[in-house]
Amino acid sequence: MVVSIHTSSYCNEIGRRENNEDAIYPRPGLAAGDTRLFLVCDGMGGHEKGEVASAITSEAIAHYWMINEEQDDTTRKLMAAIEVAVGKMGALDVDADEGNGMGTTLTLLSLGKEAVFVAHVGDSRIYQFRPGVGIVYRSKDHSLVQRWVDAGILTEQEARKHPKKNIITQVILSVPSDKIKPEAAILTDLRSGDYFLLCTDGVIEGWTDDELVDLFNTGGDAEDKMSQIVAVCRERSRDNFSAYLIQIQVEGANDTCRLEEQQGKEFLSDEDWRDIHQARVMREVEEALGNPHREEEDNLEQPEKISYLKGLLDKCLHAINLLLKKKES
């Protein structure tokens, strides 16, 4: 099996923000037919820091990837590249020690001859679409609402509109951290015509998974589909939105589907369970209050609702204390 690029397209737009904190690699307009590495990053960290973080990270990882081209694409290689990016960010970030440092999400796709290596950190996302079939692969966001979806507290639809949807649980920072655990996979279920989409959360804000599936089930090439993605995001998204769309060509493809490597998944810690319990309780509170995010503030003054709220919060505090005692013992 030999994998190559059939065509690619991109977007990197400021959207409704004052500055663009997204970065893509190759830089806009520089992708060629023989390009094998693509990255999309969403930066964060105050005025002008987000765009610096995403730009440094994408360029540093790409440079490391090229000078170590003989190495197999693995999570170990990715972690070494991330360490280089962290060092470069740290050298510029004077506020890092005060906790106000810069950071960025990451999505990466590297085409091998017989497989595709994908990895991500944060809530920027990677999709593999197969026209006529649907989603073959989708990365799972490192976010608070995704944890709640996994725990059965929220549905996917509720997570999209939740007020805490932008809280991410992993990010590449300008200071070294042992908490960075990229989720990576080597994908071998590849067919000619498959599309890979790497995108920031600004694209996800504009498009649901079902809408994306419909888009990739219609005709048109990568340029046509990217034009439609941009048009909808300009209408629906409030954030920057950036993406790379790559359509592949496969010679001698097989029909097997093997997930050969996956890193970054771990059992829930006590802190995770505490967050989940709090979320479950607060969801009960919201239902009891008629969803306080949408109601007028004076509704919260109703005595019976305040009493019920206090009871639920007492339960939450009791559960937290039990977890803390368990951890101390």
Protein backbone atom coordinates (compact mmCIF):
# COMPACT_ATOMS: atom_id res chain seq x y z
CA MET A 1 0.00 0.00 0.00
CA VAL A 2 1.35 3.41 -1.00
CA VAL A 3 -0.30 6.55 0.42
CA SER A 4 0.00 9.92 -1.29
CA ILE A 5 -1.83 13.24 -1.36
CA HIS A 6 -4.40 13.72 -4.06
CA THR A 7 -5.20 17.32 -3.16
CA SER A 8 -5.24 19.66 -0.15
CA SER A 9 -6.86 22.92 0.88
CA TYR A 10 -6.77 25.19 3.93
CA CYS A 11 -8.30 28.13 5.77
CA ASN A 12 -6.77 30.40 8.42
CA GLU A 13 -9.24 33.15 9.28
CA ILE A 14 -9.56 35.69 12.07
CA GLY A 15 -13.33 35.32 12.28
CA ARG A 16 -14.95 37.75 14.70
CA ARG A 17 -11.93 38.13 16.96
CA GLU A 18 -9.53 41.07 17.10
CA ASN A 19 -6.48 38.94 16.32
CA ASN A 20 -5.84 35.48 14.89
CA GLU A 21 -4.29 33.07 17.40
CA ASP A 22 -4.47 30.07 15.06
CA ALA A 23 -1.48 28.80 13.07
CA ILE A 24 -1.24 26.21 10.31
CA TYR A 25 1.69 24.34 8.80
CA PRO A 26 2.62 24.49 6.00
CA ARG A 27 1.95 28.19 6.13
CA PRO A 28 -0.92 29.45 3.95
CA GLY A 29 -0.20 28.81 0.30
CA LEU A 30 2.97 26.76 0.85
CA ALA A 31 1.59 23.20 0.82
CA ALA A 32 2.76 21.21 -2.21
CA GLY A 33 1.86 17.88 -3.75
CA ASP A 34 4.70 16.14 -1.95
CA THR A 35 3.95 17.62 1.49
CA ARG A 36 3.71 14.86 4.09
CA LEU A 37 3.24 16.80 7.34
CA PHE A 38 0.34 19.06 8.36
CA LEU A 39 -0.33 20.86 11.66
CA VAL A 40 -3.10 23.09 12.97
CA CYS A 41 -2.72 24.89 16.32
CA ASP A 42 -4.93 27.20 18.37
CA GLY A 43 -2.96 29.51 20.67
CA MET A 44 -3.96 31.15 23.93
CA GLY A 45 -2.46 33.39 26.58
CA GLY A 46 -3.30 37.08 26.45
CA HIS A 47 -2.63 39.81 23.94
CA GLU A 48 -0.35 38.64 21.11
CA LYS A 49 0.76 35.57 23.08
CA GLY A 50 -1.64 33.09 21.52
CA GLU A 51 -0.45 33.67 17.98
CA VAL A 52 3.17 33.46 19.14
CA ALA A 53 2.55 30.14 20.92
CA SER A 54 0.77 28.52 17.98
CA ALA A 55 3.31 29.78 15.43
CA ILE A 56 6.36 28.69 17.45
CA THR A 57 4.86 25.27 18.20
CA SER A 58 3.85 24.47 14.65
CA GLU A 59 7.18 25.59 13.18
CA ALA A 60 9.31 23.93 15.87
CA ILE A 61 7.54 20.59 15.61
CA ALA A 62 7.66 20.70 11.81
CA HIS A 63 11.40 21.45 11.88
CA TYR A 64 12.06 18.60 14.32
CA TRP A 65 9.99 16.26 12.15
CA MET A 66 12.02 17.09 9.06
CA ILE A 67 15.48 16.77 10.60
CA ASN A 68 14.45 13.43 12.14
CA GLU A 69 12.72 12.14 9.04
CA GLU A 70 14.44 8.76 9.32
CA GLN A 71 12.74 8.07 12.66
CA ASP A 72 9.41 6.28 12.67
CA ASP A 73 6.38 8.42 13.49
CA THR A 74 5.66 7.61 17.12
CA THR A 75 4.45 9.29 20.28
CA ARG A 76 8.05 9.31 21.52
CA LYS A 77 9.10 11.32 18.48
CA LEU A 78 6.18 13.68 19.02
CA MET A 79 7.05 14.23 22.68
CA ALA A 80 10.63 15.09 21.74
CA ALA A 81 9.33 17.62 19.20
CA ILE A 82 6.97 19.12 21.78
CA GLU A 83 9.87 19.54 24.22
CA VAL A 84 11.71 21.58 21.59
CA ALA A 85 8.62 23.76 21.07
CA VAL A 86 8.20 24.26 24.83
CA GLY A 87 11.82 25.37 25.10
CA LYS A 88 11.43 27.89 22.29
CA MET A 89 8.24 29.31 23.82
CA GLY A 90 9.79 29.48 27.28
CA ALA A 91 12.74 31.49 25.97
CA LEU A 92 10.33 34.24 24.87
CA ASP A 93 7.68 34.06 27.60
CA VAL A 94 8.66 36.42 30.42
CA ASP A 95 5.37 35.83 32.27
CA ALA A 96 5.55 32.03 32.35
CA ASP A 97 6.72 31.79 35.98
CA GLU A 98 3.76 33.88 37.13
CA GLY A 99 1.29 31.47 35.58
CA ASN A 100 0.35 33.86 32.79
CA GLY A 101 2.30 32.05 30.11
CA MET A 102 1.36 31.24 26.56
CA GLY A 103 0.06 27.93 25.33
CA THR A 104 -1.49 26.18 22.36
CA THR A 105 -3.45 23.17 21.21
CA LEU A 106 -2.03 20.87 18.56
CA THR A 107 -3.24 18.63 15.76
CA LEU A 108 -0.72 16.78 13.60
CA LEU A 109 -0.98 14.51 10.57
CA SER A 110 2.04 12.78 9.05
CA LEU A 111 1.65 10.63 5.95
CA GLY A 112 3.81 7.54 5.84
CA LYS A 113 4.08 5.26 2.85
CA GLU A 114 1.64 2.72 4.26
CA ALA A 115 -0.12 4.51 7.13
CA VAL A 116 -1.11 7.87 8.54
CA PHE A 117 0.13 9.05 11.95
CA VAL A 118 -2.23 11.46 13.73
CA ALA A 119 -1.93 13.12 17.14
CA HIS A 120 -3.54 15.92 19.10
CA VAL A 121 -3.41 17.89 22.33
CA GLY A 122 -6.38 20.00 23.44
CA ASP A 123 -9.70 20.58 21.70
CA SER A 124 -8.54 21.09 18.13
CA ARG A 125 -9.76 18.08 16.22
CA ILE A 126 -8.84 15.49 13.56
CA TYR A 127 -11.37 13.71 11.34
CA GLN A 128 -11.09 11.02 8.70
CA PHE A 129 -14.11 11.04 6.38
CA ARG A 130 -14.96 8.44 3.76
CA PRO A 131 -17.53 9.63 1.20
CA GLY A 132 -20.58 7.38 1.29
CA VAL A 133 -19.52 5.88 4.62
CA GLY A 134 -19.08 8.70 7.15
CA ILE A 135 -16.56 9.22 9.92
CA VAL A 136 -13.82 6.59 10.01
CA TYR A 137 -11.76 8.28 12.71
CA ARG A 138 -12.33 11.25 15.00
CA SER A 139 -10.06 12.46 17.77
CA LYS A 140 -11.55 12.95 21.22
CA ASP A 141 -11.21 16.44 22.69
CA HIS A 142 -9.13 17.01 25.80
CA SER A 143 -11.81 19.14 27.42
CA LEU A 144 -13.93 19.30 30.54
CA VAL A 145 -17.22 18.82 28.68
CA GLN A 146 -15.79 15.77 26.88
CA ARG A 147 -15.09 14.21 30.28
CA TRP A 148 -18.71 14.86 31.20
CA VAL A 149 -19.90 13.34 27.92
CA ASP A 150 -17.79 10.24 28.60
CA ALA A 151 -19.29 10.02 32.10
CA GLY A 152 -22.84 10.26 30.74
CA ILE A 153 -23.49 13.64 32.35
CA LEU A 154 -23.87 15.56 29.09
CA THR A 155 -24.89 14.59 25.59
CA GLU A 156 -22.80 15.66 22.60
CA GLN A 157 -25.48 18.23 21.76
CA GLU A 158 -25.47 19.66 25.30
CA ALA A 159 -21.68 19.81 25.32
CA ARG A 160 -21.65 22.01 22.20
CA LYS A 161 -23.60 24.75 24.00
CA HIS A 162 -22.34 24.30 27.55
CA PRO A 163 -20.92 27.48 29.19
CA LYS A 164 -17.74 25.57 30.09
CA LYS A 165 -17.14 24.11 26.63
CA ASN A 166 -13.91 26.12 26.21
CA ILE A 167 -12.19 24.67 29.29
CA ILE A 168 -9.51 22.30 28.00
CA THR A 169 -7.74 19.72 30.14
CA GLN A 170 -4.51 19.52 28.13
CA VAL A 171 -2.45 22.22 26.44
CA ILE A 172 1.15 22.70 25.35
CA LEU A 173 2.55 25.40 27.63
CA SER A 174 5.71 27.49 27.61
CA VAL A 175 6.94 25.65 30.72
CA PRO A 176 7.82 21.93 30.91
CA SER A 177 5.00 19.74 32.17
CA ASP A 178 4.63 16.00 32.70
CA LYS A 179 0.86 16.35 32.28
CA ILE A 180 1.05 16.58 28.49
CA LYS A 181 -0.16 13.24 27.14
CA PRO A 182 -0.88 13.51 23.42
CA GLU A 183 -3.39 11.08 22.03
CA ALA A 184 -1.88 9.46 18.94
CA ALA A 185 -2.85 6.76 16.48
CA ILE A 186 -1.43 5.02 13.43
CA LEU A 187 -4.27 4.62 10.93
CA THR A 188 -4.12 1.88 8.30
CA ASP A 189 -7.76 1.76 7.21
CA LEU A 190 -7.13 4.01 4.21
CA ARG A 191 -8.83 4.24 0.83
CA SER A 192 -8.44 6.50 -2.16
CA GLY A 193 -10.77 9.46 -1.79
CA ASP A 194 -10.64 9.58 2.03
CA TYR A 195 -10.44 13.08 3.50
CA PHE A 196 -8.56 14.15 6.62
CA LEU A 197 -9.67 17.36 8.31
CA LEU A 198 -7.49 19.05 10.95
CA CYS A 199 -9.32 21.99 12.51
CA THR A 200 -9.51 24.36 15.46
CA ASP A 201 -12.60 24.66 17.64
CA GLY A 202 -13.78 27.63 15.57
CA VAL A 203 -14.64 25.17 12.80
CA ILE A 204 -16.31 22.81 15.27
CA GLU A 205 -18.40 25.73 16.54
CA GLY A 206 -19.77 26.19 13.03
CA TRP A 207 -20.28 22.56 12.01
CA THR A 208 -21.80 19.50 13.67
CA ASP A 209 -20.46 16.03 12.88
CA ASP A 210 -23.64 15.18 10.96
CA GLU A 211 -23.32 18.31 8.83
CA LEU A 212 -19.70 17.48 8.05
CA VAL A 213 -20.66 13.94 7.04
CA ASP A 214 -23.28 15.37 4.67
CA LEU A 215 -20.67 17.74 3.23
CA PHE A 216 -18.27 14.91 2.47
CA ASN A 217 -21.01 12.79 0.95
CA THR A 218 -21.61 15.42 -1.72
CA GLY A 219 -19.61 16.07 -4.87
CA GLY A 220 -16.83 18.58 -5.33
CA ASP A 221 -13.12 18.60 -4.58
CA ALA A 222 -11.21 19.74 -1.49
CA GLU A 223 -11.34 23.39 -2.58
CA ASP A 224 -15.12 23.26 -2.97
CA LYS A 225 -15.59 21.66 0.44
CA MET A 226 -13.24 24.11 2.14
CA SER A 227 -15.13 27.01 0.58
CA GLN A 228 -18.33 25.69 2.12
CA ILE A 229 -16.66 25.20 5.51
CA VAL A 230 -15.42 28.80 5.44
CA ALA A 231 -18.79 30.21 4.38
CA VAL A 232 -20.64 28.51 7.24
CA CYS A 233 -17.99 29.42 9.83
CA ARG A 234 -18.15 33.07 8.82
CA GLU A 235 -21.84 32.96 9.61
CA ARG A 236 -21.88 30.82 12.77
CA SER A 237 -18.49 31.01 14.48
CA ARG A 238 -17.35 33.73 16.87
CA ASP A 239 -13.79 32.44 17.14
CA ASN A 240 -10.84 32.25 14.76
CA PHE A 241 -11.23 29.22 12.51
CA SER A 242 -8.48 27.33 10.75
CA ALA A 243 -8.18 23.98 9.04
CA TYR A 244 -6.29 21.77 6.65
CA LEU A 245 -8.25 19.42 4.42
CA ILE A 246 -6.27 16.62 2.78
CA GLN A 247 -7.63 14.09 0.34
CA ILE A 248 -5.48 11.00 -0.07
CA GLN A 249 -4.79 8.53 -2.84
CA VAL A 250 -3.96 4.92 -1.99
CA GLU A 251 -2.44 2.32 -4.26
CA GLY A 252 -2.84 -1.33 -3.24
CA ALA A 253 -5.16 -0.44 -0.34
CA ASN A 254 -6.54 -3.08 1.99
CA ASP A 255 -9.80 -3.01 3.86
CA THR A 256 -8.48 -3.71 7.34
CA CYS A 257 -8.93 -1.31 10.19
CA ARG A 258 -6.26 -1.42 12.88
CA LEU A 259 -5.55 1.07 15.61
CA GLU A 260 -1.90 0.26 16.21
CA GLU A 261 -0.97 2.88 18.73
CA GLN A 262 -2.92 5.05 21.06
CA GLN A 263 -1.43 7.07 23.90
CA GLY A 264 -2.66 9.56 26.43
CA LYS A 265 -5.64 7.71 27.85
CA GLU A 266 -5.65 7.10 31.56
CA PHE A 267 -7.99 6.13 34.37
CA LEU A 268 -9.88 8.94 36.03
CA SER A 269 -8.12 10.39 39.05
CA ASP A 270 -9.80 11.45 42.28
CA GLU A 271 -9.79 15.01 40.94
CA ASP A 272 -11.56 13.84 37.80
CA TRP A 273 -14.22 12.03 39.81
CA ARG A 274 -14.67 15.12 41.98
CA ASP A 275 -15.24 17.22 38.85
CA ILE A 276 -17.68 14.66 37.51
CA HIS A 277 -19.62 14.53 40.77
CA GLN A 278 -19.79 18.32 40.89
CA ALA A 279 -21.04 18.39 37.31
CA ARG A 280 -23.69 15.77 38.05
CA VAL A 281 -24.92 17.70 41.07
CA MET A 282 -24.89 21.02 39.23
CA ARG A 283 -26.88 19.47 36.41
CA GLU A 284 -29.53 18.48 38.95
CA VAL A 285 -29.40 22.04 40.27
CA GLU A 286 -29.92 23.47 36.80
CA GLU A 287 -32.91 21.21 36.21
CA ALA A 288 -34.38 22.19 39.57
CA LEU A 289 -33.92 25.89 38.82
CA GLY A 290 -35.33 25.65 35.34
CA ASN A 291 -31.83 26.10 33.84
CA PRO A 292 -30.48 29.24 35.58
CA HIS A 293 -28.27 30.05 32.59
CA ARG A 294 -31.39 31.05 30.70
CA GLU A 295 -33.72 32.28 33.44
CA GLU A 296 -33.84 35.75 35.00
CA GLU A 297 -31.80 36.18 38.18
CA ASP A 298 -34.89 36.86 40.28
CA ASN A 299 -35.96 33.23 39.73
CA LEU A 300 -33.06 32.19 41.96
CA GLU A 301 -34.69 33.97 44.90
CA GLN A 302 -37.60 31.57 45.14
CA PRO A 303 -37.36 30.02 48.64
CA GLU A 304 -38.13 26.46 47.65
CA LYS A 305 -35.48 26.50 44.92
CA ILE A 306 -32.86 28.02 47.20
CA SER A 307 -33.55 25.32 49.79
CA TYR A 308 -33.20 22.58 47.20
CA LEU A 309 -30.02 24.14 45.89
CA LYS A 310 -28.48 24.23 49.37
CA GLY A 311 -29.26 20.55 49.87
CA LEU A 312 -27.59 19.56 46.63
CA LEU A 313 -24.52 21.66 47.36
CA ASP A 314 -24.23 20.04 50.80
CA LYS A 315 -24.21 16.64 49.08
CA CYS A 316 -21.49 17.86 46.75
CA LEU A 317 -19.30 19.11 49.60
CA HIS A 318 -19.80 15.85 51.49
CA ALA A 319 -18.67 13.84 48.46
CA ILE A 320 -15.61 16.05 48.02
CA ASN A 321 -14.62 15.58 51.66
CA LEU A 322 -14.93 11.80 51.31
CA LEU A 323 -12.63 11.86 48.29
CA LEU A 324 -10.08 14.01 50.09
CA LYS A 325 -10.05 11.71 53.11
CA LYS A 326 -9.65 8.70 50.84
CA LYS A 327 -6.72 10.35 49.09
CA GLU A 328 -5.02 11.23 52.43
CA SER A 329 -5.36 7.67 53.65
